Amino acid sequence: MQAGLGPAVAERMVAQGARVLITDRGEMELRGVIDEIGARGEIEAITAHLSGPTGLQRMFDRVDEWLGGLDILVACAGVGSGPLMETPAGAMSSRATSSATSPAPRARSTGSKQGAARME
């Protein structure tokens, strides 16, 4: 299994019967997750950079097309790595900002027809 929170959450959700759409900037990383989880349930992947509106729109277009809207969004951007206690304060701030400004808060203005309505 690929390392990280995202693949672990995707695996658990698929095991529980959810249809899961995963997103990453790296095609190879996505293929690895799909290869490992795909036989166990419904999972698709889309390569997109979610720090800007173009990538977000691609993702939410696929959400609407394949899933008919958004039920659950898990935002777990893998920004940075290394031991927490060795991470400089500025890097921690950057990680927090990345997570806070990625898909979840922007879903209302950019995204899914049904998902945006449910976030009200």
Protein backbone atom coordinates (compact mmCIF):
# COMPACT_ATOMS: atom_id res chain seq x y z
CA MET A 1 0.00 0.00 0.00
CA GLN A 2 1.15 3.52 -0.75
CA ALA A 3 2.23 5.42 2.34
CA GLY A 4 0.13 8.26 3.65
CA LEU A 5 -3.21 9.19 5.08
CA GLY A 6 -4.98 9.55 1.71
CA PRO A 7 -4.42 5.99 0.49
CA ALA A 8 -5.29 4.61 3.94
CA VAL A 9 -8.58 6.53 4.03
CA ALA A 10 -9.39 5.51 0.44
CA GLU A 11 -8.74 1.86 1.24
CA ARG A 12 -10.97 1.95 4.31
CA MET A 13 -13.79 3.75 2.49
CA VAL A 14 -13.70 1.30 -0.42
CA ALA A 15 -13.74 -1.60 2.06
CA GLN A 16 -16.91 -0.08 3.56
CA GLY A 17 -18.59 0.04 0.14
CA ALA A 18 -18.07 3.70 -0.77
CA ARG A 19 -17.37 4.84 -4.31
CA VAL A 20 -14.14 6.79 -3.98
CA LEU A 21 -12.48 9.38 -6.20
CA ILE A 22 -8.86 10.12 -5.32
CA THR A 23 -6.77 13.02 -6.56
CA ASP A 24 -3.05 13.69 -6.67
CA ARG A 25 -0.59 15.61 -8.78
CA GLY A 26 1.34 12.43 -9.56
CA GLU A 27 -0.06 9.90 -12.01
CA MET A 28 2.27 7.15 -10.79
CA GLU A 29 1.17 7.58 -7.17
CA LEU A 30 -2.47 7.37 -8.20
CA ARG A 31 -1.89 4.29 -10.35
CA GLY A 32 -0.23 2.58 -7.39
CA VAL A 33 -3.24 3.21 -5.16
CA ILE A 34 -5.70 2.13 -7.86
CA ASP A 35 -3.71 -1.04 -8.56
CA GLU A 36 -3.80 -1.98 -4.88
CA ILE A 37 -7.39 -1.03 -4.03
CA GLY A 38 -9.25 -1.26 -7.34
CA ALA A 39 -10.09 -4.96 -7.18
CA ARG A 40 -11.87 -4.45 -3.84
CA GLY A 41 -14.41 -1.86 -4.91
CA GLU A 42 -15.26 1.24 -6.88
CA ILE A 43 -12.38 3.70 -6.99
CA GLU A 44 -11.26 6.15 -9.65
CA ALA A 45 -8.42 8.63 -9.83
CA ILE A 46 -7.89 12.02 -11.40
CA THR A 47 -4.56 13.77 -11.74
CA ALA A 48 -4.95 17.40 -10.73
CA HIS A 49 -3.17 20.14 -8.82
CA LEU A 50 -5.71 21.31 -6.25
CA SER A 51 -4.05 24.55 -5.24
CA GLY A 52 -5.83 26.48 -7.97
CA PRO A 53 -9.24 26.74 -9.59
CA THR A 54 -8.43 24.70 -12.72
CA GLY A 55 -7.51 21.54 -10.85
CA LEU A 56 -10.39 21.95 -8.43
CA GLN A 57 -12.85 22.39 -11.26
CA ARG A 58 -11.56 19.23 -13.00
CA MET A 59 -11.99 17.29 -9.78
CA PHE A 60 -15.49 18.55 -9.03
CA ASP A 61 -16.58 18.04 -12.64
CA ARG A 62 -15.61 14.38 -12.24
CA VAL A 63 -17.35 14.23 -8.85
CA ASP A 64 -20.58 15.39 -10.46
CA GLU A 65 -20.18 13.18 -13.53
CA TRP A 66 -19.25 9.92 -11.80
CA LEU A 67 -20.69 10.27 -8.32
CA GLY A 68 -23.61 12.61 -8.93
CA GLY A 69 -22.34 14.98 -6.26
CA LEU A 70 -20.21 15.08 -3.15
CA ASP A 71 -21.12 13.28 0.06
CA ILE A 72 -17.79 13.26 1.91
CA LEU A 73 -14.59 15.18 1.22
CA VAL A 74 -11.35 14.15 2.91
CA ALA A 75 -8.71 16.84 2.43
CA CYS A 76 -5.35 15.42 3.40
CA ALA A 77 -2.75 17.09 1.23
CA GLY A 78 0.65 15.47 1.72
CA VAL A 79 2.52 18.74 1.95
CA GLY A 80 5.96 18.30 3.44
CA SER A 81 7.28 15.41 5.40
CA GLY A 82 9.62 14.60 8.19
CA PRO A 83 9.46 14.44 11.96
CA LEU A 84 7.07 16.97 13.46
CA MET A 85 9.48 18.13 16.17
CA GLU A 86 12.15 18.84 13.53
CA THR A 87 9.88 20.92 11.32
CA PRO A 88 10.57 24.67 11.33
CA ALA A 89 7.66 26.88 12.43
CA GLY A 90 7.40 28.50 8.99
CA ALA A 91 7.00 25.10 7.34
CA MET A 92 4.24 24.16 9.78
CA SER A 93 2.42 27.37 8.92
CA SER A 94 2.77 26.60 5.21
CA ARG A 95 1.36 23.08 5.72
CA ALA A 96 -1.60 24.40 7.68
CA THR A 97 -2.30 27.04 5.04
CA SER A 98 -2.11 24.43 2.28
CA SER A 99 -4.65 22.21 4.01
CA ALA A 100 -6.95 25.12 4.85
CA THR A 101 -6.94 26.54 1.32
CA SER A 102 -7.28 23.26 -0.56
CA PRO A 103 -10.55 21.66 -1.72
CA ALA A 104 -12.78 21.72 1.34
CA PRO A 105 -13.20 25.47 1.84
CA ARG A 106 -13.26 26.13 -1.91
CA ALA A 107 -15.91 23.52 -2.70
CA ARG A 108 -18.71 26.01 -2.20
CA SER A 109 -17.55 28.41 -4.92
CA THR A 110 -15.81 26.04 -7.32
CA GLY A 111 -17.34 22.71 -7.01
CA SER A 112 -19.84 20.04 -7.03
CA LYS A 113 -23.44 20.95 -7.73
CA GLN A 114 -24.83 18.81 -4.94
CA GLY A 115 -21.79 18.96 -2.65
CA ALA A 116 -21.68 22.74 -2.56
CA ALA A 117 -25.35 22.89 -1.62
CA ARG A 118 -24.83 20.39 1.21
CA MET A 119 -22.05 22.51 2.75
CA GLU A 120 -24.50 25.37 3.51
